[in-house]
Every structure is written in structure tokens, then in C-alpha cells.
C-alpha atoms as a PDB file:
ATOM      1  CA  MET A   1      -7.064  -9.606 101.769  1.00  0.00           C
ATOM      2  CA  SER A   2      -9.080  -9.692  98.580  1.00  0.00           C
ATOM      3  CA  ARG A   3     -10.896  -6.841  96.872  1.00  0.00           C
ATOM      4  CA  HIS A   4     -12.724  -6.593  93.564  1.00  0.00           C
ATOM      5  CA  VAL A   5     -12.541  -3.385  91.537  1.00  0.00           C
ATOM      6  CA  ASP A   6     -13.532  -2.579  87.988  1.00  0.00           C
ATOM      7  CA  ALA A   7     -10.213  -0.959  87.107  1.00  0.00           C
ATOM      8  CA  LEU A   8      -6.723  -1.078  88.559  1.00  0.00           C
ATOM      9  CA  VAL A   9      -4.288   1.703  87.669  1.00  0.00           C
ATOM     10  CA  VAL A  10      -0.613   1.090  88.358  1.00  0.00           C
ATOM     11  CA  GLY A  11       1.177   4.343  89.164  1.00  0.00           C
ATOM     12  CA  SER A  12      -0.061   7.737  90.294  1.00  0.00           C
ATOM     13  CA  GLY A  13       2.019   9.872  87.948  1.00  0.00           C
ATOM     14  CA  PRO A  14       0.507  12.165  85.315  1.00  0.00           C
ATOM     15  CA  GLY A  15      -0.714   9.307  83.109  1.00  0.00           C
ATOM     16  CA  GLY A  16      -2.035   7.163  85.943  1.00  0.00           C
ATOM     17  CA  ALA A  17      -3.776  10.017  87.729  1.00  0.00           C
ATOM     18  CA  VAL A  18      -5.585  11.214  84.598  1.00  0.00           C
ATOM     19  CA  THR A  19      -6.532   7.663  83.624  1.00  0.00           C
ATOM     20  CA  ALA A  20      -7.864   6.885  87.112  1.00  0.00           C
ATOM     21  CA  ARG A  21      -9.966  10.026  87.128  1.00  0.00           C
ATOM     22  CA  ALA A  22     -11.466   9.256  83.717  1.00  0.00           C
ATOM     23  CA  LEU A  23     -12.321   5.708  84.780  1.00  0.00           C
ATOM     24  CA  ALA A  24     -13.884   6.867  88.055  1.00  0.00           C
ATOM     25  CA  GLU A  25     -15.898   9.569  86.275  1.00  0.00           C
ATOM     26  CA  ALA A  26     -17.171   6.848  83.922  1.00  0.00           C
ATOM     27  CA  GLY A  27     -18.603   5.087  86.974  1.00  0.00           C
ATOM     28  CA  LEU A  28     -15.975   2.388  87.408  1.00  0.00           C
ATOM     29  CA  GLU A  29     -14.738   1.511  90.881  1.00  0.00           C
ATOM     30  CA  THR A  30     -11.081   2.387  90.420  1.00  0.00           C
ATOM     31  CA  LEU A  31      -8.048   1.641  92.562  1.00  0.00           C
ATOM     32  CA  VAL A  32      -4.651   3.312  92.115  1.00  0.00           C
ATOM     33  CA  ILE A  33      -1.595   1.531  93.475  1.00  0.00           C
ATOM     34  CA  GLU A  34       1.801   3.148  93.897  1.00  0.00           C
ATOM     35  CA  GLU A  35       5.103   1.546  94.842  1.00  0.00           C
ATOM     36  CA  GLY A  36       6.494   4.473  96.796  1.00  0.00           C
ATOM     37  CA  ASP A  37       5.639   6.706  99.706  1.00  0.00           C
ATOM     38  CA  TRP A  38       3.289   9.615 100.165  1.00  0.00           C
ATOM     39  CA  VAL A  39       5.677  12.444 101.055  1.00  0.00           C
ATOM     40  CA  GLU A  40       4.108  15.621 102.419  1.00  0.00           C
ATOM     41  CA  PRO A  41       5.442  18.876 100.956  1.00  0.00           C
ATOM     42  CA  GLY A  42       8.411  19.999 103.029  1.00  0.00           C
ATOM     43  CA  ALA A  43       8.790  16.615 104.767  1.00  0.00           C
ATOM     44  CA  VAL A  44      12.184  15.953 103.210  1.00  0.00           C
ATOM     45  CA  GLU A  45      15.033  18.312 102.444  1.00  0.00           C
ATOM     46  CA  PRO A  46      15.243  18.982  98.688  1.00  0.00           C
ATOM     47  CA  TYR A  47      18.233  17.301  97.009  1.00  0.00           C
ATOM     48  CA  SER A  48      19.000  15.316 100.172  1.00  0.00           C
ATOM     49  CA  VAL A  49      19.904  11.636 100.427  1.00  0.00           C
ATOM     50  CA  GLU A  50      16.533  11.047 102.123  1.00  0.00           C
ATOM     51  CA  GLN A  51      14.690  12.608  99.190  1.00  0.00           C
ATOM     52  CA  MET A  52      16.612  10.469  96.716  1.00  0.00           C
ATOM     53  CA  GLN A  53      15.839   7.327  98.704  1.00  0.00           C
ATOM     54  CA  ARG A  54      12.137   8.080  99.237  1.00  0.00           C
ATOM     55  CA  GLN A  55      11.100   9.726  95.985  1.00  0.00           C
ATOM     56  CA  TYR A  56      13.309   8.236  93.272  1.00  0.00           C
ATOM     57  CA  ARG A  57      13.417   4.653  92.032  1.00  0.00           C
ATOM     58  CA  ASN A  58      16.814   3.097  92.716  1.00  0.00           C
ATOM     59  CA  SER A  59      17.755   6.187  94.755  1.00  0.00           C
ATOM     60  CA  GLY A  60      17.859   8.278  91.598  1.00  0.00           C
ATOM     61  CA  LEU A  61      19.925   6.222  89.215  1.00  0.00           C
ATOM     62  CA  THR A  62      18.493   3.750  86.761  1.00  0.00           C
ATOM     63  CA  VAL A  63      20.621   2.562  83.870  1.00  0.00           C
ATOM     64  CA  ALA A  64      19.408   1.521  80.443  1.00  0.00           C
ATOM     65  CA  LEU A  65      22.010  -0.850  79.084  1.00  0.00           C
ATOM     66  CA  GLY A  66      23.069  -0.595  75.493  1.00  0.00           C
ATOM     67  CA  MET A  67      25.588   1.293  73.403  1.00  0.00           C
ATOM     68  CA  PRO A  68      25.976   3.746  75.004  1.00  0.00           C
ATOM     69  CA  SER A  69      24.388   3.011  78.377  1.00  0.00           C
ATOM     70  CA  ILE A  70      22.082   5.786  79.579  1.00  0.00           C
ATOM     71  CA  ALA A  71      21.458   6.842  83.177  1.00  0.00           C
ATOM     72  CA  TYR A  72      18.056   8.355  83.958  1.00  0.00           C
ATOM     73  CA  THR A  73      15.819   9.064  86.935  1.00  0.00           C
ATOM     74  CA  GLU A  74      12.323   7.785  87.680  1.00  0.00           C
ATOM     75  CA  GLY A  75       9.884   8.957  90.310  1.00  0.00           C
ATOM     76  CA  CYS A  76       8.842   6.477  92.958  1.00  0.00           C
ATOM     77  CA  GLY A  77       5.946   7.599  95.133  1.00  0.00           C
ATOM     78  CA  ALA A  78       2.677   9.466  95.050  1.00  0.00           C
ATOM     79  CA  GLY A  79       2.772  11.697  91.993  1.00  0.00           C
ATOM     80  CA  GLY A  80       5.276   9.518  90.135  1.00  0.00           C
ATOM     81  CA  GLY A  81       7.455  11.336  87.646  1.00  0.00           C
ATOM     82  CA  SER A  82       5.648  14.626  88.211  1.00  0.00           C
ATOM     83  CA  GLU A  83       6.885  14.657  91.801  1.00  0.00           C
ATOM     84  CA  VAL A  84      10.552  14.360  90.918  1.00  0.00           C
ATOM     85  CA  ASN A  85      10.293  16.577  87.856  1.00  0.00           C
ATOM     86  CA  SER A  86       8.415  19.508  89.357  1.00  0.00           C
ATOM     87  CA  GLY A  87       6.005  18.519  92.120  1.00  0.00           C
ATOM     88  CA  LEU A  88       2.954  18.873  89.894  1.00  0.00           C
ATOM     89  CA  TYR A  89       0.658  16.732  92.017  1.00  0.00           C
ATOM     90  CA  HIS A  90       0.723  19.013  95.068  1.00  0.00           C
ATOM     91  CA  ARG A  91      -2.146  21.412  95.547  1.00  0.00           C
ATOM     92  CA  PRO A  92      -0.877  24.970  95.219  1.00  0.00           C
ATOM     93  CA  SER A  93      -1.040  27.084  98.361  1.00  0.00           C
ATOM     94  CA  ALA A  94      -3.680  29.794  98.754  1.00  0.00           C
ATOM     95  CA  GLU A  95      -0.892  32.375  98.594  1.00  0.00           C
ATOM     96  CA  LEU A  96       0.426  31.017  95.299  1.00  0.00           C
ATOM     97  CA  LEU A  97      -3.059  30.917  93.775  1.00  0.00           C
ATOM     98  CA  GLN A  98      -3.629  34.526  94.845  1.00  0.00           C
ATOM     99  CA  GLU A  99      -0.294  35.555  93.319  1.00  0.00           C
ATOM    100  CA  TRP A 100      -1.123  33.862  90.013  1.00  0.00           C
ATOM    101  CA  SER A 101      -4.623  35.340  90.029  1.00  0.00           C
ATOM    102  CA  SER A 102      -3.251  38.846  90.538  1.00  0.00           C
ATOM    103  CA  ARG A 103      -0.255  38.530  88.244  1.00  0.00           C
ATOM    104  CA  TYR A 104      -2.084  36.939  85.322  1.00  0.00           C
ATOM    105  CA  GLY A 105      -5.589  38.366  85.813  1.00  0.00           C
ATOM    106  CA  ILE A 106      -7.266  34.981  86.308  1.00  0.00           C
ATOM    107  CA  ASP A 107     -10.652  35.202  88.012  1.00  0.00           C
ATOM    108  CA  GLY A 108     -11.797  32.323  90.230  1.00  0.00           C
ATOM    109  CA  LEU A 109      -8.309  30.949  90.797  1.00  0.00           C
ATOM    110  CA  ASP A 110      -8.667  29.932  94.432  1.00  0.00           C
ATOM    111  CA  ALA A 111      -8.707  26.766  96.532  1.00  0.00           C
ATOM    112  CA  GLU A 112     -12.503  26.697  96.863  1.00  0.00           C
ATOM    113  CA  THR A 113     -13.074  26.903  93.108  1.00  0.00           C
ATOM    114  CA  LEU A 114     -10.432  24.264  92.376  1.00  0.00           C
ATOM    115  CA  ALA A 115     -11.466  21.846  95.169  1.00  0.00           C
ATOM    116  CA  PRO A 116     -13.867  19.776  93.018  1.00  0.00           C
ATOM    117  CA  HIS A 117     -11.028  19.131  90.556  1.00  0.00           C
ATOM    118  CA  HIS A 118      -8.575  17.648  93.079  1.00  0.00           C
END
């Protein structure tokens, strides 16, 4: 299969997602590719082996060799690092938006108002 696009963005984490949006808004046909899965919220048990295998590169342990060697984690899937760090790419629920709106006095904080920005 062959496809021509104006811009190819590798990774759907915070940097890739923002870059892809800017390119698309500039009128470029943009394609985002991601190495991992799309995992629906609640589809895997938090902190489980399945989550580590599906949402973290190398099942959660990558090593940078050197003196000393450093172990770190990397996201692998839709949302990239934001998914494994705090789930930032998920749309907040209507209930959560209502809570934030009430708690912090933010008008217009609802799914309908935010829809054009997702």
C-alpha cells in the first residue's frame, strides 16, 4: 500500500499531537503513526502486567547504558508518554468537567464546548 501525505508525524505523544494539529491547521495532509496500541480507558487494569506490556516500551524498562546506567520508562501507544505519565490524551468525562467547572468557577467547561478542540 502506498499513500502520499504532506507531513508524517512519528508518535502521538504531547509533542507529536501538537505538531500534527499545527500542520493540519496549516492545510497540510498530515498522518500520525504510532508504534503501540489504542487502549480504551478502563480496558486494562492499572499497574497490571497487561498494562505494562501494552502501554510501555519494553514492558516498562528501558536502560540507558553508561556510568551509571539509568533505567527509565517510555510510553508506547496512542498518547505516548502522556498516557503512561498521567493519561493526558483522554477526553475528560462530563462528570469531571462539571466538577472542575463548579469547583474552579470555569464557565463553558463542558464536552460540547471542548469538542472542536479534540
